[in-house]
Amino acid sequence: MWKIAVGFALFAGLALYILSKGGDIDMSGEKHGADATHSEAPATAVSAPAAAPAAPAASEAK
């Protein structure tokens, strides 16, 4: 039984440490209305790189 208590204490301590190092973490739950503002900018689409030129055909390489 004491192993469960020690395990819980270690897990809780680790969780608190990780949350304290996480920066601006909002633990207040779900937001609605004017409170539901996002601080991150929307992601923009990234275009694919241009295709590499095709290798010369075997008949052309002499």
PDB file of N, CA and C in Angstrom:
ATOM      1  N   MET A   1       0.816  -1.199   0.000  1.00  0.00           N
ATOM      2  CA  MET A   1       0.000   0.000   0.000  1.00  0.00           C
ATOM      3  C   MET A   1       0.858   1.261   0.000  1.00  0.00           C
ATOM      4  N   TRP A   2       1.966   1.213   0.705  1.00  0.00           N
ATOM      5  CA  TRP A   2       2.810   2.399   0.774  1.00  0.00           C
ATOM      6  C   TRP A   2       3.455   2.692  -0.584  1.00  0.00           C
ATOM      7  N   LYS A   3       3.614   1.641  -1.427  1.00  0.00           N
ATOM      8  CA  LYS A   3       4.206   1.843  -2.756  1.00  0.00           C
ATOM      9  C   LYS A   3       3.279   2.681  -3.642  1.00  0.00           C
ATOM     10  N   ILE A   4       1.973   2.489  -3.468  1.00  0.00           N
ATOM     11  CA  ILE A   4       1.010   3.272  -4.244  1.00  0.00           C
ATOM     12  C   ILE A   4       1.098   4.749  -3.849  1.00  0.00           C
ATOM     13  N   ALA A   5       1.200   5.015  -2.555  1.00  0.00           N
ATOM     14  CA  ALA A   5       1.292   6.400  -2.083  1.00  0.00           C
ATOM     15  C   ALA A   5       2.576   7.064  -2.565  1.00  0.00           C
ATOM     16  N   VAL A   6       3.690   6.328  -2.516  1.00  0.00           N
ATOM     17  CA  VAL A   6       4.967   6.884  -2.983  1.00  0.00           C
ATOM     18  C   VAL A   6       4.911   7.116  -4.488  1.00  0.00           C
ATOM     19  N   GLY A   7       4.341   6.181  -5.239  1.00  0.00           N
ATOM     20  CA  GLY A   7       4.205   6.352  -6.685  1.00  0.00           C
ATOM     21  C   GLY A   7       3.344   7.542  -7.049  1.00  0.00           C
ATOM     22  N   PHE A   8       2.252   7.722  -6.327  1.00  0.00           N
ATOM     23  CA  PHE A   8       1.384   8.874  -6.581  1.00  0.00           C
ATOM     24  C   PHE A   8       2.109  10.177  -6.286  1.00  0.00           C
ATOM     25  N   ALA A   9       2.841  10.213  -5.186  1.00  0.00           N
ATOM     26  CA  ALA A   9       3.565  11.435  -4.822  1.00  0.00           C
ATOM     27  C   ALA A   9       4.623  11.768  -5.873  1.00  0.00           C
ATOM     28  N   LEU A  10       5.335  10.749  -6.351  1.00  0.00           N
ATOM     29  CA  LEU A  10       6.348  10.994  -7.389  1.00  0.00           C
ATOM     30  C   LEU A  10       5.704  11.468  -8.689  1.00  0.00           C
ATOM     31  N   PHE A  11       4.600  10.824  -9.081  1.00  0.00           N
ATOM     32  CA  PHE A  11       3.915  11.212 -10.312  1.00  0.00           C
ATOM     33  C   PHE A  11       3.362  12.630 -10.202  1.00  0.00           C
ATOM     34  N   ALA A  12       2.777  12.980  -9.064  1.00  0.00           N
ATOM     35  CA  ALA A  12       2.235  14.326  -8.869  1.00  0.00           C
ATOM     36  C   ALA A  12       3.351  15.365  -8.894  1.00  0.00           C
ATOM     37  N   GLY A  13       4.473  15.044  -8.260  1.00  0.00           N
ATOM     38  CA  GLY A  13       5.610  15.969  -8.290  1.00  0.00           C
ATOM     39  C   GLY A  13       6.144  16.179  -9.692  1.00  0.00           C
ATOM     40  N   LEU A  14       6.239  15.096 -10.468  1.00  0.00           N
ATOM     41  CA  LEU A  14       6.700  15.207 -11.851  1.00  0.00           C
ATOM     42  C   LEU A  14       5.725  16.030 -12.683  1.00  0.00           C
ATOM     43  N   ALA A  15       4.428  15.803 -12.496  1.00  0.00           N
ATOM     44  CA  ALA A  15       3.421  16.562 -13.243  1.00  0.00           C
ATOM     45  C   ALA A  15       3.494  18.049 -12.912  1.00  0.00           C
ATOM     46  N   LEU A  16       3.644  18.391 -11.643  1.00  0.00           N
ATOM     47  CA  LEU A  16       3.753  19.798 -11.255  1.00  0.00           C
ATOM     48  C   LEU A  16       5.016  20.435 -11.821  1.00  0.00           C
ATOM     49  N   TYR A  17       6.106  19.681 -11.843  1.00  0.00           N
ATOM     50  CA  TYR A  17       7.356  20.211 -12.404  1.00  0.00           C
ATOM     51  C   TYR A  17       7.196  20.486 -13.900  1.00  0.00           C
ATOM     52  N   ILE A  18       6.617  19.549 -14.628  1.00  0.00           N
ATOM     53  CA  ILE A  18       6.432  19.723 -16.075  1.00  0.00           C
ATOM     54  C   ILE A  18       5.499  20.894 -16.352  1.00  0.00           C
ATOM     55  N   LEU A  19       4.413  21.009 -15.593  1.00  0.00           N
ATOM     56  CA  LEU A  19       3.488  22.125 -15.804  1.00  0.00           C
ATOM     57  C   LEU A  19       4.124  23.467 -15.462  1.00  0.00           C
ATOM     58  N   SER A  20       5.004  23.499 -14.464  1.00  0.00           N
ATOM     59  CA  SER A  20       5.638  24.762 -14.097  1.00  0.00           C
ATOM     60  C   SER A  20       6.657  25.199 -15.140  1.00  0.00           C
ATOM     61  N   LYS A  21       7.246  24.261 -15.867  1.00  0.00           N
ATOM     62  CA  LYS A  21       8.221  24.595 -16.905  1.00  0.00           C
ATOM     63  C   LYS A  21       7.568  24.854 -18.256  1.00  0.00           C
ATOM     64  N   GLY A  22       6.258  24.639 -18.366  1.00  0.00           N
ATOM     65  CA  GLY A  22       5.564  24.721 -19.645  1.00  0.00           C
ATOM     66  C   GLY A  22       5.268  26.122 -20.129  1.00  0.00           C
ATOM     67  N   GLY A  23       5.436  27.129 -19.326  1.00  0.00           N
ATOM     68  CA  GLY A  23       5.140  28.487 -19.771  1.00  0.00           C
ATOM     69  C   GLY A  23       3.707  28.875 -19.465  1.00  0.00           C
ATOM     70  N   ASP A  24       3.031  29.474 -20.445  1.00  0.00           N
ATOM     71  CA  ASP A  24       1.669  29.982 -20.258  1.00  0.00           C
ATOM     72  C   ASP A  24       0.665  28.865 -20.527  1.00  0.00           C
ATOM     73  N   ILE A  25       0.304  28.114 -19.487  1.00  0.00           N
ATOM     74  CA  ILE A  25      -0.640  27.011 -19.614  1.00  0.00           C
ATOM     75  C   ILE A  25      -1.946  27.431 -18.964  1.00  0.00           C
ATOM     76  N   ASP A  26      -3.051  27.349 -19.719  1.00  0.00           N
ATOM     77  CA  ASP A  26      -4.362  27.736 -19.223  1.00  0.00           C
ATOM     78  C   ASP A  26      -5.103  26.486 -18.764  1.00  0.00           C
ATOM     79  N   MET A  27      -5.296  26.352 -17.459  1.00  0.00           N
ATOM     80  CA  MET A  27      -5.972  25.183 -16.899  1.00  0.00           C
ATOM     81  C   MET A  27      -7.420  25.489 -16.519  1.00  0.00           C
ATOM     82  N   SER A  28      -7.992  26.559 -17.093  1.00  0.00           N
ATOM     83  CA  SER A  28      -9.326  26.981 -16.686  1.00  0.00           C
ATOM     84  C   SER A  28     -10.435  26.257 -17.428  1.00  0.00           C
ATOM     85  N   GLY A  29     -10.132  25.422 -18.390  1.00  0.00           N
ATOM     86  CA  GLY A  29     -11.166  24.642 -19.069  1.00  0.00           C
ATOM     87  C   GLY A  29     -11.608  25.248 -20.387  1.00  0.00           C
ATOM     88  N   GLU A  30     -12.766  24.808 -20.830  1.00  0.00           N
ATOM     89  CA  GLU A  30     -13.286  25.194 -22.133  1.00  0.00           C
ATOM     90  C   GLU A  30     -13.757  26.645 -22.125  1.00  0.00           C
ATOM     91  N   LYS A  31     -13.474  27.364 -23.193  1.00  0.00           N
ATOM     92  CA  LYS A  31     -13.843  28.775 -23.299  1.00  0.00           C
ATOM     93  C   LYS A  31     -14.907  28.955 -24.367  1.00  0.00           C
ATOM     94  N   HIS A  32     -15.784  29.924 -24.144  1.00  0.00           N
ATOM     95  CA  HIS A  32     -16.841  30.254 -25.107  1.00  0.00           C
ATOM     96  C   HIS A  32     -16.946  31.769 -25.220  1.00  0.00           C
ATOM     97  N   GLY A  33     -17.388  32.225 -26.375  1.00  0.00           N
ATOM     98  CA  GLY A  33     -17.648  33.651 -26.554  1.00  0.00           C
ATOM     99  C   GLY A  33     -16.374  34.457 -26.721  1.00  0.00           C
ATOM    100  N   ALA A  34     -16.343  35.636 -26.097  1.00  0.00           N
ATOM    101  CA  ALA A  34     -15.227  36.561 -26.253  1.00  0.00           C
ATOM    102  C   ALA A  34     -13.955  36.031 -25.604  1.00  0.00           C
ATOM    103  N   ASP A  35     -14.085  35.123 -24.639  1.00  0.00           N
ATOM    104  CA  ASP A  35     -12.901  34.565 -23.976  1.00  0.00           C
ATOM    105  C   ASP A  35     -12.164  33.560 -24.853  1.00  0.00           C
ATOM    106  N   ALA A  36     -12.789  33.128 -25.933  1.00  0.00           N
ATOM    107  CA  ALA A  36     -12.214  32.077 -26.766  1.00  0.00           C
ATOM    108  C   ALA A  36     -11.309  32.646 -27.854  1.00  0.00           C
ATOM    109  N   THR A  37     -10.367  33.464 -27.500  1.00  0.00           N
ATOM    110  CA  THR A  37      -9.433  34.015 -28.481  1.00  0.00           C
ATOM    111  C   THR A  37      -8.186  33.151 -28.522  1.00  0.00           C
ATOM    112  N   HIS A  38      -7.663  32.974 -29.694  1.00  0.00           N
ATOM    113  CA  HIS A  38      -6.452  32.172 -29.865  1.00  0.00           C
ATOM    114  C   HIS A  38      -5.261  33.101 -30.022  1.00  0.00           C
ATOM    115  N   SER A  39      -4.166  32.766 -29.368  1.00  0.00           N
ATOM    116  CA  SER A  39      -2.988  33.620 -29.440  1.00  0.00           C
ATOM    117  C   SER A  39      -2.077  33.251 -30.605  1.00  0.00           C
ATOM    118  N   GLU A  40      -2.268  32.067 -31.184  1.00  0.00           N
ATOM    119  CA  GLU A  40      -1.416  31.640 -32.285  1.00  0.00           C
ATOM    120  C   GLU A  40      -1.988  32.107 -33.612  1.00  0.00           C
ATOM    121  N   ALA A  41      -1.097  32.471 -34.529  1.00  0.00           N
ATOM    122  CA  ALA A  41      -1.522  32.864 -35.857  1.00  0.00           C
ATOM    123  C   ALA A  41      -1.885  31.602 -36.643  1.00  0.00           C
ATOM    124  N   PRO A  42      -2.834  31.694 -37.562  1.00  0.00           N
ATOM    125  CA  PRO A  42      -3.184  30.513 -38.354  1.00  0.00           C
ATOM    126  C   PRO A  42      -2.011  30.086 -39.228  1.00  0.00           C
ATOM    127  N   ALA A  43      -1.879  28.790 -39.397  1.00  0.00           N
ATOM    128  CA  ALA A  43      -0.776  28.250 -40.211  1.00  0.00           C
ATOM    129  C   ALA A  43      -1.034  28.552 -41.678  1.00  0.00           C
ATOM    130  N   THR A  44       0.024  28.857 -42.401  1.00  0.00           N
ATOM    131  CA  THR A  44      -0.104  29.122 -43.825  1.00  0.00           C
ATOM    132  C   THR A  44       0.335  27.898 -44.603  1.00  0.00           C
ATOM    133  N   ALA A  45      -0.228  27.746 -45.770  1.00  0.00           N
ATOM    134  CA  ALA A  45       0.115  26.597 -46.618  1.00  0.00           C
ATOM    135  C   ALA A  45       1.515  26.795 -47.200  1.00  0.00           C
ATOM    136  N   VAL A  46       2.291  25.740 -47.175  1.00  0.00           N
ATOM    137  CA  VAL A  46       3.640  25.782 -47.722  1.00  0.00           C
ATOM    138  C   VAL A  46       3.625  25.067 -49.050  1.00  0.00           C
ATOM    139  N   SER A  47       4.115  25.735 -50.087  1.00  0.00           N
ATOM    140  CA  SER A  47       4.119  25.106 -51.406  1.00  0.00           C
ATOM    141  C   SER A  47       5.223  24.065 -51.499  1.00  0.00           C
ATOM    142  N   ALA A  48       4.997  23.078 -52.318  1.00  0.00           N
ATOM    143  CA  ALA A  48       5.979  22.006 -52.510  1.00  0.00           C
ATOM    144  C   ALA A  48       7.160  22.543 -53.315  1.00  0.00           C
ATOM    145  N   PRO A  49       8.357  22.028 -53.073  1.00  0.00           N
ATOM    146  CA  PRO A  49       9.511  22.496 -53.842  1.00  0.00           C
ATOM    147  C   PRO A  49       9.377  22.099 -55.307  1.00  0.00           C
ATOM    148  N   ALA A  50      10.048  22.852 -56.152  1.00  0.00           N
ATOM    149  CA  ALA A  50       9.994  22.581 -57.591  1.00  0.00           C
ATOM    150  C   ALA A  50      10.587  21.213 -57.892  1.00  0.00           C
ATOM    151  N   ALA A  51      10.053  20.570 -58.915  1.00  0.00           N
ATOM    152  CA  ALA A  51      10.517  19.230 -59.292  1.00  0.00           C
ATOM    153  C   ALA A  51      11.916  19.325 -59.879  1.00  0.00           C
ATOM    154  N   ALA A  52      12.716  18.320 -59.609  1.00  0.00           N
ATOM    155  CA  ALA A  52      14.073  18.271 -60.159  1.00  0.00           C
ATOM    156  C   ALA A  52      13.987  17.964 -61.655  1.00  0.00           C
ATOM    157  N   PRO A  53      14.938  18.458 -62.426  1.00  0.00           N
ATOM    158  CA  PRO A  53      14.900  18.167 -63.874  1.00  0.00           C
ATOM    159  C   PRO A  53      15.093  16.676 -64.111  1.00  0.00           C
ATOM    160  N   ALA A  54      14.466  16.199 -65.151  1.00  0.00           N
ATOM    161  CA  ALA A  54      14.535  14.769 -65.481  1.00  0.00           C
ATOM    162  C   ALA A  54      15.923  14.405 -65.965  1.00  0.00           C
ATOM    163  N   ALA A  55      16.324  13.190 -65.708  1.00  0.00           N
ATOM    164  CA  ALA A  55      17.622  12.706 -66.165  1.00  0.00           C
ATOM    165  C   ALA A  55      17.593  12.530 -67.685  1.00  0.00           C
ATOM    166  N   PRO A  56      18.713  12.730 -68.335  1.00  0.00           N
ATOM    167  CA  PRO A  56      18.715  12.565 -69.814  1.00  0.00           C
ATOM    168  C   PRO A  56      18.438  11.112 -70.188  1.00  0.00           C
ATOM    169  N   ALA A  57      17.826  10.946 -71.325  1.00  0.00           N
ATOM    170  CA  ALA A  57      17.483   9.599 -71.794  1.00  0.00           C
ATOM    171  C   ALA A  57      18.759   8.837 -72.148  1.00  0.00           C
ATOM    172  N   ALA A  58      18.710   7.519 -72.094  1.00  0.00           N
ATOM    173  CA  ALA A  58      19.890   6.685 -72.349  1.00  0.00           C
ATOM    174  C   ALA A  58      20.380   6.839 -73.784  1.00  0.00           C
ATOM    175  N   SER A  59      19.466   7.108 -74.730  1.00  0.00           N
ATOM    176  CA  SER A  59      19.885   7.245 -76.121  1.00  0.00           C
ATOM    177  C   SER A  59      20.648   8.543 -76.349  1.00  0.00           C
ATOM    178  N   GLU A  60      20.402   9.552 -75.517  1.00  0.00           N
ATOM    179  CA  GLU A  60      21.110  10.817 -75.671  1.00  0.00           C
ATOM    180  C   GLU A  60      22.490  10.792 -75.071  1.00  0.00           C
ATOM    181  N   ALA A  61      22.718   9.979 -74.057  1.00  0.00           N
ATOM    182  CA  ALA A  61      24.009   9.926 -73.394  1.00  0.00           C
ATOM    183  C   ALA A  61      24.953   9.019 -74.179  1.00  0.00           C
ATOM    184  N   LYS A  62      25.992   9.605 -74.791  1.00  0.00           N
ATOM    185  CA  LYS A  62      26.939   8.810 -75.580  1.00  0.00           C
ATOM    186  C   LYS A  62      28.330   9.025 -75.081  1.00  0.00           C
TER     187      LYS A  62
END
